[in-house]
Amino acid sequence: MKKAGLIICLLLLIGCKSKTGTVSRDTEDLKIKKVSGAEVNTTQQQKAYDLGKRVLETCNTSKFKPFNETEVTKSVMENTTEDRLTKTCQRFRQYYGSFIDLKLDGVYKTKDEVIYRYHALYSKKVANKELRVFVNDENLVSAIKSMDWDEKFDAKLTNQ
């Protein structure tokens, strides 16, 4: 009898898995378009640069000035902690050296966000990193992502 109950419970659990077919995305939501220099909001660009630089300079100074609700979304504020930055910075300093500056490579737009793509410059020449700062419609930074530099980023856009 216990085995039968266990089997019924397992069947119920398997039968109740979530359905992912209910979420639909318009292809317009996923398109990324390059923004020309004339279309760039210089105030927003400066904000993206300042916040991105603040994060990476933490690796040099070991001091992080926390974000506030007028700069970033709540999720960015919660995820950008001094503890998490310290762990990331230890790896970055070891592999790439000291952070020097950010060089804007391009500005891109999706349906809901503007993406500022920076080439992150470090003291060691082996470093080839980029920092992407995402700004939403409310002019708040909604994501900050560091990754390896993608030479073919623009080429991928023309194929969409």
Protein backbone atom coordinates (compact mmCIF):
# COMPACT_ATOMS: atom_id res chain seq x y z
CA MET A 1 0.00 0.00 0.00
CA LYS A 2 2.87 2.39 0.79
CA LYS A 3 4.42 1.69 -2.63
CA ALA A 4 1.15 2.50 -4.37
CA GLY A 5 0.89 5.80 -2.48
CA LEU A 6 4.47 6.67 -3.38
CA ILE A 7 3.89 5.89 -7.04
CA ILE A 8 0.73 8.02 -7.10
CA CYS A 9 2.62 10.94 -5.52
CA LEU A 10 5.42 10.65 -8.10
CA LEU A 11 2.91 10.56 -10.96
CA LEU A 12 1.18 13.65 -9.59
CA LEU A 13 4.48 15.50 -9.33
CA ILE A 14 5.50 14.57 -12.86
CA GLY A 15 2.06 15.44 -14.22
CA CYS A 16 2.10 18.90 -12.62
CA LYS A 17 5.21 20.28 -14.25
CA SER A 18 4.86 23.85 -15.49
CA LYS A 19 3.80 24.56 -19.04
CA THR A 20 6.16 26.90 -20.89
CA GLY A 21 4.03 27.23 -24.00
CA THR A 22 1.94 30.07 -22.53
CA VAL A 23 4.73 32.64 -22.84
CA SER A 24 4.99 34.22 -26.26
CA ARG A 25 7.52 36.82 -27.31
CA ASP A 26 7.20 39.12 -30.22
CA THR A 27 10.35 39.07 -32.37
CA GLU A 28 10.42 42.89 -32.08
CA ASP A 29 11.14 42.44 -28.35
CA LEU A 30 14.36 40.59 -29.18
CA LYS A 31 15.77 42.83 -31.92
CA ILE A 32 18.81 44.96 -31.19
CA LYS A 33 19.56 47.97 -33.38
CA LYS A 34 22.63 50.18 -33.38
CA VAL A 35 21.93 53.80 -32.45
CA SER A 36 23.64 56.60 -34.37
CA GLY A 37 25.68 59.21 -32.51
CA ALA A 38 23.03 61.91 -33.06
CA GLU A 39 20.34 59.78 -31.38
CA VAL A 40 22.33 59.11 -28.19
CA ASN A 41 21.07 60.76 -25.00
CA THR A 42 24.34 62.22 -23.66
CA THR A 43 23.03 62.53 -20.09
CA GLN A 44 22.00 58.88 -20.07
CA GLN A 45 25.31 57.89 -21.68
CA GLN A 46 27.25 59.70 -18.95
CA LYS A 47 25.17 57.97 -16.27
CA ALA A 48 25.87 54.54 -17.82
CA TYR A 49 29.59 55.35 -17.99
CA ASP A 50 29.75 56.63 -14.40
CA LEU A 51 27.93 53.61 -12.92
CA GLY A 52 29.89 51.11 -14.99
CA LYS A 53 33.16 52.76 -14.03
CA ARG A 54 32.11 52.86 -10.36
CA VAL A 55 31.65 49.09 -10.37
CA LEU A 56 35.00 48.34 -12.04
CA GLU A 57 36.95 50.90 -9.99
CA THR A 58 35.89 48.95 -6.92
CA CYS A 59 38.51 46.42 -8.00
CA ASN A 60 41.23 49.07 -7.65
CA THR A 61 40.06 50.71 -4.44
CA SER A 62 38.24 47.86 -2.63
CA LYS A 63 35.57 50.43 -1.76
CA PHE A 64 32.12 50.44 -3.34
CA LYS A 65 29.64 53.27 -3.06
CA PRO A 66 26.28 51.46 -3.11
CA PHE A 67 23.74 52.35 -5.76
CA ASN A 68 20.49 54.10 -4.90
CA GLU A 69 16.95 53.87 -6.28
CA THR A 70 17.44 56.89 -8.58
CA GLU A 71 20.34 55.17 -10.37
CA VAL A 72 19.48 51.49 -10.74
CA THR A 73 16.57 49.06 -10.53
CA LYS A 74 15.88 47.22 -7.30
CA SER A 75 17.27 43.95 -8.69
CA VAL A 76 20.57 45.59 -9.66
CA MET A 77 20.78 47.17 -6.22
CA GLU A 78 20.20 43.80 -4.54
CA ASN A 79 22.63 41.90 -6.78
CA THR A 80 25.49 44.42 -6.68
CA THR A 81 26.81 43.82 -3.21
CA GLU A 82 30.27 44.53 -1.89
CA ASP A 83 30.71 40.82 -1.15
CA ARG A 84 29.91 39.77 -4.73
CA LEU A 85 32.08 42.53 -6.18
CA THR A 86 35.00 41.51 -3.98
CA LYS A 87 34.90 37.94 -5.29
CA THR A 88 34.72 39.11 -8.90
CA CYS A 89 37.43 41.72 -8.38
CA GLN A 90 39.87 39.19 -6.97
CA ARG A 91 39.67 37.19 -10.19
CA PHE A 92 39.77 40.27 -12.43
CA ARG A 93 42.83 41.77 -10.73
CA GLN A 94 44.66 38.45 -10.91
CA TYR A 95 44.00 37.91 -14.62
CA TYR A 96 43.69 41.43 -16.04
CA GLY A 97 45.54 43.73 -13.64
CA SER A 98 44.24 47.12 -12.57
CA PHE A 99 41.19 48.66 -14.20
CA ILE A 100 42.08 51.76 -16.21
CA ASP A 101 38.96 53.08 -17.98
CA LEU A 102 35.95 52.35 -20.19
CA LYS A 103 35.91 53.14 -23.90
CA LEU A 104 32.47 53.40 -25.50
CA ASP A 105 32.23 51.08 -28.49
CA GLY A 106 28.58 51.44 -29.39
CA VAL A 107 25.05 52.23 -28.28
CA TYR A 108 22.24 49.82 -29.09
CA LYS A 109 18.50 49.82 -28.58
CA THR A 110 15.95 47.10 -27.95
CA LYS A 111 12.23 47.63 -27.56
CA ASP A 112 12.61 48.35 -23.82
CA GLU A 113 16.27 49.23 -23.18
CA VAL A 114 19.31 51.10 -24.38
CA ILE A 115 22.56 49.13 -24.19
CA TYR A 116 25.88 50.91 -23.76
CA ARG A 117 28.74 48.64 -24.85
CA TYR A 118 32.13 49.55 -23.42
CA HIS A 119 35.57 48.07 -23.99
CA ALA A 120 37.02 47.71 -20.48
CA LEU A 121 40.69 48.68 -20.42
CA TYR A 122 43.04 46.97 -17.94
CA SER A 123 46.76 47.23 -17.21
CA LYS A 124 47.57 43.72 -18.50
CA LYS A 125 47.45 43.51 -22.28
CA VAL A 126 45.86 40.03 -22.18
CA ALA A 127 42.63 41.60 -20.94
CA ASN A 128 39.99 41.80 -23.63
CA LYS A 129 36.81 42.45 -21.67
CA GLU A 130 33.63 44.34 -22.30
CA LEU A 131 31.07 45.88 -20.01
CA ARG A 132 27.46 46.27 -21.09
CA VAL A 133 25.26 48.69 -19.20
CA PHE A 134 21.52 48.34 -19.82
CA VAL A 135 19.28 51.37 -19.18
CA ASN A 136 15.50 50.92 -19.12
CA ASP A 137 12.68 53.28 -20.15
CA GLU A 138 12.65 54.80 -16.64
CA ASN A 139 16.29 55.86 -17.10
CA LEU A 140 17.44 53.33 -14.48
CA VAL A 141 20.29 50.90 -15.01
CA SER A 142 18.57 47.52 -15.27
CA ALA A 143 21.69 45.36 -15.75
CA ILE A 144 25.47 45.55 -15.77
CA LYS A 145 27.25 42.65 -17.43
CA SER A 146 30.95 41.95 -17.83
CA MET A 147 32.06 39.42 -20.42
CA ASP A 148 34.80 38.57 -22.87
CA TRP A 149 35.06 41.00 -25.77
CA ASP A 150 32.96 39.92 -28.76
CA GLU A 151 34.60 41.10 -32.00
CA LYS A 152 31.61 39.91 -34.05
CA PHE A 153 28.90 41.65 -32.01
CA ASP A 154 27.94 44.13 -34.77
CA ALA A 155 28.05 41.43 -37.45
CA LYS A 156 25.52 39.40 -35.50
CA LEU A 157 23.10 42.35 -35.53
CA THR A 158 22.91 42.53 -39.33
CA ASN A 159 21.77 38.90 -39.48
CA GLN A 160 18.63 39.52 -37.42
